[in-house]
Amino acid sequence: MGETSVHRKLEKRKLKRLKLKRRNLKKPATVHAAKPANNFNAAYFRKFYLNASTRVVTAAEMRSRAALIAGALRQCQIPIRSILDAGCGMGLLRKPFKELLPRARYVGLEASQYLCGRFGWIQGSLADFAPRKPFDLVVCYDVLQYLSDLEAARAIVNMSKLTQAALYVSALTTEDWRENCDRSRTDGAVHLRSGAWYRRRLNRSFRYVGFGIWVRKNVTAILWEMERPLR
């Protein structure tokens, strides 16, 4: 057998071994590829809201968030008389908003049958909720990541109808999962998307003010030049 033939056989064997090795390698886990299976029952809220060792947010943090939203909109000279807290959970924003915006009517919208029964929220989906009148402010905190791409896109379109002035949005993004969140305290049964995915859709109807706050394009937000976000 010639030297060339031997060399070719060795190369074929080497290539075959390499293919087998690649085939047997454990594939990297695809994060959140499957549709989340979350019924938002009592156990879910005990884990992520009530248990001090596993909760993802505290009442103090939500008070700070409400103060940020109320203060920013006051600075923009946008009056708030009605608030829709979409995906309100246990209603941790209701009391702070009552203190900060005492003249504003607060409405909680929630998908969880358990929470609606316990707190009296309106049960419904952000993607198709249609009240008689729009609100001055819609808060959408940690909701969109639980919706599929189609439902999240529909919800963003619907939010442009639900608010006549301002919107606050916070959602767990791919970047947050990689760099920012504490995974031991963060619900992993979500649909991860980039921040750019959300911004592209929000930019169609809203202008960004900062810190998750958006204002409808037909609403005047009075800000000094150095207060504006980078263009």
Protein backbone atom coordinates (compact mmCIF):
# COMPACT_ATOMS: atom_id res chain seq x y z
CA MET A 1 0.00 0.00 0.00
CA GLY A 2 1.37 3.36 -0.98
CA GLU A 3 2.25 6.10 1.49
CA THR A 4 -0.50 8.33 0.07
CA SER A 5 -3.19 5.69 0.63
CA VAL A 6 -2.07 5.13 4.23
CA HIS A 7 -2.14 8.85 4.88
CA ARG A 8 -5.67 9.12 3.48
CA LYS A 9 -6.91 6.26 5.67
CA LEU A 10 -5.40 7.86 8.76
CA GLU A 11 -7.02 11.18 7.88
CA LYS A 12 -10.41 9.48 7.43
CA ARG A 13 -10.13 7.73 10.79
CA LYS A 14 -9.11 10.98 12.45
CA LEU A 15 -12.06 12.79 10.87
CA LYS A 16 -14.44 10.00 11.95
CA ARG A 17 -13.19 10.16 15.55
CA LEU A 18 -13.58 13.95 15.53
CA LYS A 19 -17.19 13.68 14.31
CA LEU A 20 -18.02 11.11 16.98
CA LYS A 21 -16.45 13.30 19.64
CA ARG A 22 -18.50 16.30 18.56
CA ARG A 23 -21.67 14.21 18.47
CA ASN A 24 -21.09 12.98 22.00
CA LEU A 25 -20.32 16.37 23.43
CA LYS A 26 -23.07 17.64 25.67
CA LYS A 27 -24.97 20.37 23.92
CA PRO A 28 -25.05 23.70 25.78
CA ALA A 29 -28.33 24.33 27.55
CA THR A 30 -30.61 26.68 25.65
CA VAL A 31 -31.97 29.10 28.21
CA HIS A 32 -35.75 29.47 28.18
CA ALA A 33 -36.27 27.97 24.74
CA ALA A 34 -39.44 26.23 25.86
CA LYS A 35 -42.67 28.05 26.55
CA PRO A 36 -42.78 29.02 30.23
CA ALA A 37 -45.13 26.93 32.33
CA ASN A 38 -46.13 29.32 35.08
CA ASN A 39 -49.58 29.54 36.62
CA PHE A 40 -48.68 32.31 39.10
CA ASN A 41 -50.18 30.46 42.04
CA ALA A 42 -49.65 30.95 45.76
CA ALA A 43 -46.34 29.04 45.70
CA TYR A 44 -44.93 31.36 43.05
CA PHE A 45 -45.65 34.50 45.08
CA ARG A 46 -44.42 32.96 48.31
CA LYS A 47 -41.09 32.23 46.62
CA PHE A 48 -40.51 35.46 44.69
CA TYR A 49 -42.27 37.99 46.92
CA LEU A 50 -42.69 36.73 50.48
CA ASN A 51 -39.73 34.50 51.31
CA ALA A 52 -36.87 36.76 52.44
CA SER A 53 -34.23 34.31 51.17
CA THR A 54 -35.62 33.96 47.64
CA ARG A 55 -37.72 37.06 46.93
CA VAL A 56 -36.77 39.10 43.91
CA VAL A 57 -38.10 42.44 45.14
CA THR A 58 -38.98 44.13 48.43
CA ALA A 59 -41.61 46.66 49.43
CA ALA A 60 -38.82 49.21 50.00
CA GLU A 61 -37.57 48.77 46.43
CA MET A 62 -41.05 49.28 45.07
CA ARG A 63 -41.50 52.45 47.12
CA SER A 64 -38.29 53.73 45.58
CA ARG A 65 -39.53 52.80 42.11
CA ALA A 66 -42.84 54.61 42.65
CA ALA A 67 -40.98 57.70 43.88
CA LEU A 68 -38.75 57.63 40.79
CA ILE A 69 -41.71 57.40 38.40
CA ALA A 70 -43.78 60.05 40.19
CA GLY A 71 -40.81 62.42 40.54
CA ALA A 72 -39.74 62.10 36.90
CA LEU A 73 -43.24 62.75 35.58
CA ARG A 74 -43.66 65.69 37.92
CA GLN A 75 -40.38 67.10 36.60
CA CYS A 76 -41.71 66.62 33.05
CA GLN A 77 -44.84 68.53 34.12
CA ILE A 78 -47.13 65.63 33.19
CA PRO A 79 -50.10 65.39 35.56
CA ILE A 80 -51.17 61.91 36.65
CA ARG A 81 -54.79 61.33 37.67
CA SER A 82 -55.14 57.64 36.82
CA ILE A 83 -52.75 54.68 36.98
CA LEU A 84 -53.01 51.20 35.48
CA ASP A 85 -50.61 48.79 37.17
CA ALA A 86 -50.50 46.03 34.54
CA GLY A 87 -49.31 42.79 36.10
CA CYS A 88 -49.61 44.38 39.53
CA GLY A 89 -48.86 41.19 41.46
CA MET A 90 -49.44 41.75 45.14
CA GLY A 91 -49.95 45.48 44.61
CA LEU A 92 -46.67 46.67 46.11
CA LEU A 93 -46.95 49.93 44.16
CA ARG A 94 -50.46 50.80 45.26
CA LYS A 95 -49.65 52.29 48.67
CA PRO A 96 -46.57 54.28 47.51
CA PHE A 97 -48.51 55.76 44.60
CA LYS A 98 -51.35 56.64 46.96
CA GLU A 99 -48.90 58.59 49.10
CA LEU A 100 -47.03 60.21 46.20
CA LEU A 101 -49.99 60.83 43.89
CA PRO A 102 -52.96 61.05 46.27
CA ARG A 103 -55.34 62.33 43.59
CA ALA A 104 -54.59 59.49 41.17
CA ARG A 105 -56.95 56.53 40.81
CA TYR A 106 -55.11 53.19 40.96
CA VAL A 107 -56.30 50.12 39.01
CA GLY A 108 -54.60 46.73 39.20
CA LEU A 109 -54.62 44.36 36.22
CA GLU A 110 -53.42 40.82 36.83
CA ALA A 111 -53.39 37.49 34.98
CA SER A 112 -53.20 35.42 38.16
CA GLN A 113 -56.57 34.06 39.21
CA TYR A 114 -55.14 33.49 42.69
CA LEU A 115 -54.18 37.15 43.18
CA CYS A 116 -57.37 38.53 41.65
CA GLY A 117 -59.36 36.46 44.09
CA ARG A 118 -57.24 37.59 47.01
CA PHE A 119 -56.84 41.31 46.24
CA GLY A 120 -59.73 42.10 43.94
CA TRP A 121 -57.67 43.02 40.87
CA ILE A 122 -59.14 42.99 37.38
CA GLN A 123 -58.23 39.70 35.75
CA GLY A 124 -57.05 40.06 32.19
CA SER A 125 -54.21 40.16 29.68
CA LEU A 126 -52.16 43.22 28.83
CA ALA A 127 -52.29 42.13 25.20
CA ASP A 128 -56.02 42.74 24.84
CA PHE A 129 -57.27 44.64 27.90
CA ALA A 130 -59.64 47.36 26.68
CA PRO A 131 -61.04 49.72 29.36
CA ARG A 132 -63.54 52.42 28.52
CA LYS A 133 -60.98 55.21 28.99
CA PRO A 134 -57.19 55.31 28.76
CA PHE A 135 -55.05 56.04 31.83
CA ASP A 136 -52.54 58.82 32.40
CA LEU A 137 -49.89 56.30 33.43
CA VAL A 138 -49.44 52.60 32.69
CA VAL A 139 -46.90 50.65 34.74
CA CYS A 140 -45.63 47.41 33.22
CA TYR A 141 -43.11 45.98 35.67
CA ASP A 142 -41.65 42.52 34.98
CA VAL A 143 -44.55 41.36 32.83
CA LEU A 144 -43.46 41.27 29.20
CA GLN A 145 -40.85 38.53 29.67
CA TYR A 146 -43.66 36.13 30.58
CA LEU A 147 -45.31 36.64 27.18
CA SER A 148 -44.35 35.03 23.88
CA ASP A 149 -42.91 37.27 21.17
CA LEU A 150 -46.31 37.61 19.54
CA GLU A 151 -48.13 38.37 22.79
CA ALA A 152 -45.43 40.78 23.99
CA ALA A 153 -45.59 42.67 20.69
CA ARG A 154 -49.38 42.85 20.96
CA ALA A 155 -49.10 44.08 24.55
CA ILE A 156 -46.76 46.91 23.53
CA VAL A 157 -49.17 47.98 20.79
CA ASN A 158 -52.04 47.84 23.27
CA MET A 159 -50.14 49.93 25.81
CA SER A 160 -50.11 52.78 23.31
CA LYS A 161 -53.91 52.67 23.56
CA LEU A 162 -54.05 52.14 27.32
CA THR A 163 -52.10 55.29 28.21
CA GLN A 164 -52.74 58.80 27.01
CA ALA A 165 -49.59 60.22 28.56
CA ALA A 166 -46.86 58.07 30.11
CA LEU A 167 -45.59 54.53 30.41
CA TYR A 168 -43.14 52.80 32.71
CA VAL A 169 -41.64 49.53 31.42
CA SER A 170 -39.22 47.13 33.02
CA ALA A 171 -38.59 43.64 31.62
CA LEU A 172 -35.88 41.05 32.12
CA THR A 173 -33.76 41.07 28.96
CA THR A 174 -31.07 38.80 27.57
CA GLU A 175 -28.48 41.34 28.67
CA ASP A 176 -29.88 41.43 32.21
CA TRP A 177 -29.81 37.64 32.45
CA ARG A 178 -26.16 37.56 31.38
CA GLU A 179 -24.85 40.52 33.34
CA ASN A 180 -27.19 42.02 35.92
CA CYS A 181 -29.64 39.73 37.70
CA ASP A 182 -29.12 37.39 40.62
CA ARG A 183 -30.18 34.12 38.99
CA SER A 184 -30.78 32.46 42.33
CA ARG A 185 -33.58 34.97 42.99
CA THR A 186 -34.81 35.51 39.44
CA ASP A 187 -37.55 33.49 37.79
CA GLY A 188 -35.99 31.63 34.86
CA ALA A 189 -39.24 30.49 33.24
CA VAL A 190 -39.43 33.48 30.90
CA HIS A 191 -38.92 34.51 27.28
CA LEU A 192 -35.63 36.37 27.05
CA ARG A 193 -35.33 39.08 24.42
CA SER A 194 -32.84 41.90 23.87
CA GLY A 195 -33.44 45.41 25.09
CA ALA A 196 -33.29 46.50 21.46
CA TRP A 197 -36.28 44.27 20.67
CA TYR A 198 -38.40 46.18 23.18
CA ARG A 199 -37.07 49.62 22.26
CA ARG A 200 -37.81 49.19 18.55
CA ARG A 201 -41.45 48.54 19.32
CA LEU A 202 -41.83 51.18 22.03
CA ASN A 203 -40.22 53.84 19.85
CA ARG A 204 -43.12 53.64 17.42
CA SER A 205 -45.48 55.42 19.84
CA PHE A 206 -43.31 56.73 22.69
CA ARG A 207 -40.28 58.90 23.39
CA TYR A 208 -37.86 57.71 26.04
CA VAL A 209 -37.34 59.94 29.08
CA GLY A 210 -35.09 57.70 31.15
CA PHE A 211 -35.10 55.09 33.92
CA GLY A 212 -37.73 53.01 32.12
CA ILE A 213 -40.12 55.95 31.63
CA TRP A 214 -41.65 56.65 28.22
CA VAL A 215 -43.95 59.48 27.10
CA ARG A 216 -46.35 59.38 24.19
CA LYS A 217 -45.05 61.23 21.15
CA ASN A 218 -48.08 63.52 21.10
CA VAL A 219 -47.48 64.59 24.73
CA THR A 220 -45.15 67.44 25.58
CA ALA A 221 -42.55 66.48 28.17
CA ILE A 222 -40.80 69.64 29.28
CA LEU A 223 -37.16 68.81 29.91
CA TRP A 224 -34.06 70.99 29.86
CA GLU A 225 -31.39 69.98 27.37
CA MET A 226 -29.05 68.39 29.93
CA GLU A 227 -31.95 66.38 31.39
CA ARG A 228 -32.70 64.64 28.10
CA PRO A 229 -31.48 61.11 27.28
CA LEU A 230 -28.80 60.84 24.60
CA ARG A 231 -30.21 60.94 21.09
